[in-house]
Amino acid sequence: MIKFSKCKDCGKHLKDYRSTYCKKCVQKHSKRYKNGITTKNYYCIDCNSSITVASGLFGGGRCRKCADKQHSLRMMGSNNPNYKDGRKSLQKAIRDHKKYKHWIYRIFERDKYTCQICNSTNCHLHVHHKIPLICIILLYKLKNLVQALKCPLLWDENWGITLCIPCHNRIEKKVFYHEHRQERNKEISESFVEG
């Protein structure tokens, strides 16, 4: 048989026979509540600033600033789910290399810092690979940065062109979305095998 008890204040039936007050009435008799609102103050465990009740109870006891700092520290280095033993992708390693930055500079100098499509000069410029970097990596089967540094096609200035951002975006869309990507890569690889 299920035992029920009643709230001492309002007489409401309680599911737990050990309780003496319902949820509403217990706040009246608790030292931590005044008019249904908690009187306990919560403080950040790191910087000791005042925080909300929800942050104190459910947010790890930190203010937003300290919680963000803690999260960023937790996600750095080997704790990040995208971490790969300190490695980075070959494309990123190539683009970060000093030789690549010199290659870009030489192409800017050759093109006199002007977009080769619209001839604009007072804008942010990019160097576009006429053959996408990933295609060069796949074509030459490059596995590491040492192999990439020895690849002649990667550092040939004839395969780079200076473009402004709008022209670069138009070319990227045309190359990758309107044409068939696989057919284009196949044509490129065949032209280098023959030539």
Protein backbone atom coordinates (compact mmCIF):
# COMPACT_ATOMS: atom_id res chain seq x y z
CA MET A 1 0.00 0.00 0.00
CA ILE A 2 1.32 3.45 -0.98
CA LYS A 3 1.69 5.89 1.88
CA PHE A 4 0.83 9.52 1.28
CA SER A 5 1.45 12.48 3.49
CA LYS A 6 0.03 15.98 3.42
CA CYS A 7 1.82 19.31 3.32
CA LYS A 8 1.71 20.93 6.77
CA ASP A 9 0.89 24.36 5.29
CA CYS A 10 -1.51 23.85 2.38
CA GLY A 11 -2.69 20.27 2.91
CA LYS A 12 -1.68 19.15 -0.59
CA HIS A 13 -1.08 15.40 -1.01
CA LEU A 14 2.61 14.61 -1.33
CA LYS A 15 4.00 11.68 -3.35
CA ASP A 16 6.93 11.18 -1.01
CA TYR A 17 5.66 10.13 2.42
CA ARG A 18 8.90 11.41 4.03
CA SER A 19 8.27 15.04 2.95
CA THR A 20 6.60 17.49 5.27
CA TYR A 21 6.07 20.39 2.82
CA CYS A 22 5.21 20.64 -0.91
CA LYS A 23 7.62 22.36 -3.32
CA LYS A 24 5.97 25.76 -2.95
CA CYS A 25 5.73 25.69 0.82
CA VAL A 26 9.24 24.40 1.43
CA GLN A 27 10.57 27.71 0.11
CA LYS A 28 8.72 29.58 2.84
CA HIS A 29 10.38 27.57 5.58
CA SER A 30 13.89 27.35 4.12
CA LYS A 31 16.55 29.77 5.32
CA ARG A 32 17.85 30.13 1.75
CA TYR A 33 14.56 31.44 0.31
CA LYS A 34 12.73 34.70 0.89
CA ASN A 35 9.38 35.20 -0.90
CA GLY A 36 10.17 32.28 -3.20
CA ILE A 37 13.55 33.71 -4.24
CA THR A 38 16.86 32.30 -3.12
CA THR A 39 18.91 34.44 -0.77
CA LYS A 40 22.13 32.49 -1.29
CA ASN A 41 24.72 34.33 -3.34
CA TYR A 42 26.89 32.47 -5.80
CA TYR A 43 30.40 33.53 -6.79
CA CYS A 44 32.73 32.51 -9.62
CA ILE A 45 35.28 29.97 -8.43
CA ASP A 46 38.03 31.65 -10.49
CA CYS A 47 37.57 35.43 -10.23
CA ASN A 48 35.15 35.58 -7.26
CA SER A 49 32.64 37.84 -9.08
CA SER A 50 28.90 37.46 -8.41
CA ILE A 51 27.11 35.04 -10.77
CA THR A 52 23.53 33.89 -11.31
CA VAL A 53 21.98 30.98 -9.46
CA ALA A 54 21.82 28.92 -12.67
CA SER A 55 25.55 29.44 -13.30
CA GLY A 56 26.32 28.59 -9.70
CA LEU A 57 24.30 25.39 -9.70
CA PHE A 58 24.51 24.14 -13.29
CA GLY A 59 27.22 26.18 -15.05
CA GLY A 60 30.26 24.80 -13.29
CA GLY A 61 30.39 27.69 -10.83
CA ARG A 62 32.08 30.11 -13.25
CA CYS A 63 31.09 33.48 -14.74
CA ARG A 64 30.77 33.67 -18.54
CA LYS A 65 34.24 35.19 -19.01
CA CYS A 66 35.98 32.52 -16.90
CA ALA A 67 33.89 29.72 -18.44
CA ASP A 68 34.91 30.83 -21.95
CA LYS A 69 38.56 31.03 -20.90
CA GLN A 70 38.37 27.55 -19.32
CA HIS A 71 36.70 26.15 -22.44
CA SER A 72 39.35 27.60 -24.76
CA LEU A 73 42.12 26.18 -22.55
CA ARG A 74 40.40 22.78 -22.60
CA MET A 75 40.21 22.83 -26.41
CA MET A 76 43.86 23.72 -27.07
CA GLY A 77 46.49 21.35 -28.37
CA SER A 78 46.03 17.65 -27.77
CA ASN A 79 42.69 18.20 -25.98
CA ASN A 80 41.05 19.41 -29.20
CA PRO A 81 39.10 16.67 -31.03
CA ASN A 82 40.67 17.77 -34.34
CA TYR A 83 44.23 17.40 -33.03
CA LYS A 84 46.46 15.13 -35.14
CA ASP A 85 49.68 14.57 -33.14
CA GLY A 86 50.90 18.10 -33.88
CA ARG A 87 50.52 17.60 -37.63
CA LYS A 88 48.68 19.85 -40.05
CA SER A 89 47.36 19.12 -43.50
CA LEU A 90 49.84 19.22 -46.35
CA GLN A 91 47.96 22.10 -47.98
CA LYS A 92 48.19 24.15 -44.78
CA ALA A 93 51.87 23.28 -44.35
CA ILE A 94 52.61 24.39 -47.93
CA ARG A 95 50.64 27.63 -47.57
CA ASP A 96 52.38 28.43 -44.26
CA HIS A 97 55.87 27.80 -45.65
CA LYS A 98 58.29 30.67 -46.32
CA LYS A 99 58.90 29.50 -49.91
CA TYR A 100 55.16 29.74 -50.66
CA LYS A 101 55.01 33.30 -49.34
CA HIS A 102 57.99 34.22 -51.59
CA TRP A 103 56.19 32.60 -54.54
CA ILE A 104 53.15 34.79 -53.86
CA TYR A 105 55.34 37.89 -53.58
CA ARG A 106 57.07 37.13 -56.91
CA ILE A 107 53.70 36.78 -58.67
CA PHE A 108 52.45 40.06 -57.17
CA GLU A 109 55.64 41.75 -58.40
CA ARG A 110 55.35 40.20 -61.86
CA ASP A 111 51.70 41.32 -62.19
CA LYS A 112 52.49 44.76 -60.68
CA TYR A 113 49.89 44.28 -57.92
CA THR A 114 46.94 44.47 -60.33
CA CYS A 115 44.07 42.05 -60.87
CA GLN A 116 44.70 40.35 -64.22
CA ILE A 117 40.97 40.22 -65.05
CA CYS A 118 39.53 43.63 -64.07
CA ASN A 119 42.83 45.57 -63.74
CA SER A 120 41.92 46.94 -60.30
CA THR A 121 44.79 47.92 -58.02
CA ASN A 122 43.28 49.53 -54.92
CA CYS A 123 41.84 46.34 -53.41
CA HIS A 124 42.80 43.21 -51.53
CA LEU A 125 44.54 40.78 -53.90
CA HIS A 126 44.95 37.00 -53.96
CA VAL A 127 47.22 34.73 -55.93
CA HIS A 128 45.16 32.10 -57.71
CA HIS A 129 46.60 28.73 -58.71
CA LYS A 130 45.67 28.00 -62.30
CA ILE A 131 45.87 24.35 -61.26
CA PRO A 132 44.34 23.93 -57.78
CA LEU A 133 46.83 23.06 -55.07
CA ILE A 134 45.00 19.84 -54.20
CA CYS A 135 45.24 18.72 -57.83
CA ILE A 136 49.02 19.24 -57.79
CA ILE A 137 49.26 17.25 -54.55
CA LEU A 138 47.21 14.39 -56.00
CA LEU A 139 48.91 14.50 -59.39
CA TYR A 140 52.44 14.26 -57.98
CA LYS A 141 51.30 12.03 -55.07
CA LEU A 142 52.90 14.36 -52.54
CA LYS A 143 52.89 12.93 -49.03
CA ASN A 144 54.93 15.47 -47.04
CA LEU A 145 56.39 18.96 -47.13
CA VAL A 146 59.83 17.77 -48.24
CA GLN A 147 58.34 16.26 -51.40
CA ALA A 148 56.26 19.40 -51.95
CA LEU A 149 59.32 21.64 -51.73
CA LYS A 150 60.96 19.60 -54.51
CA CYS A 151 57.88 19.66 -56.80
CA PRO A 152 58.66 21.99 -59.76
CA LEU A 153 55.04 22.67 -60.75
CA LEU A 154 54.16 23.93 -57.29
CA TRP A 155 56.74 26.75 -57.44
CA ASP A 156 56.47 27.65 -61.12
CA GLU A 157 55.37 31.29 -61.39
CA ASN A 158 53.58 30.64 -64.71
CA TRP A 159 50.89 28.69 -62.81
CA GLY A 160 49.93 31.63 -60.56
CA ILE A 161 47.87 34.72 -61.36
CA THR A 162 47.02 37.84 -59.31
CA LEU A 163 43.27 38.39 -58.80
CA CYS A 164 41.06 40.62 -56.69
CA ILE A 165 38.63 38.86 -54.33
CA PRO A 166 35.47 39.23 -56.53
CA CYS A 167 37.29 37.91 -59.61
CA HIS A 168 38.87 35.10 -57.57
CA ASN A 169 35.44 34.09 -56.24
CA ARG A 170 33.97 34.09 -59.76
CA ILE A 171 36.79 31.88 -61.04
CA GLU A 172 36.52 29.49 -58.08
CA LYS A 173 32.75 29.13 -58.63
CA LYS A 174 33.22 28.62 -62.35
CA VAL A 175 35.95 26.04 -61.87
CA PHE A 176 34.44 24.07 -59.02
CA TYR A 177 30.68 24.40 -59.37
CA HIS A 178 29.77 24.92 -63.02
CA GLU A 179 32.30 22.60 -64.62
CA HIS A 180 32.60 18.94 -63.78
CA ARG A 181 35.34 18.76 -61.19
CA GLN A 182 36.43 15.17 -61.81
CA GLU A 183 36.61 15.63 -65.59
CA ARG A 184 38.73 18.76 -65.14
CA ASN A 185 41.14 16.98 -62.79
CA LYS A 186 41.42 14.11 -65.25
CA GLU A 187 42.25 16.51 -68.11
CA ILE A 188 44.91 18.19 -66.02
CA SER A 189 46.53 14.91 -65.04
CA GLU A 190 46.49 13.68 -68.67
CA SER A 191 48.07 16.89 -69.97
CA PHE A 192 50.97 16.53 -67.53
CA VAL A 193 51.49 12.85 -68.25
CA GLU A 194 51.71 13.56 -72.00
CA GLY A 195 53.72 16.81 -71.76
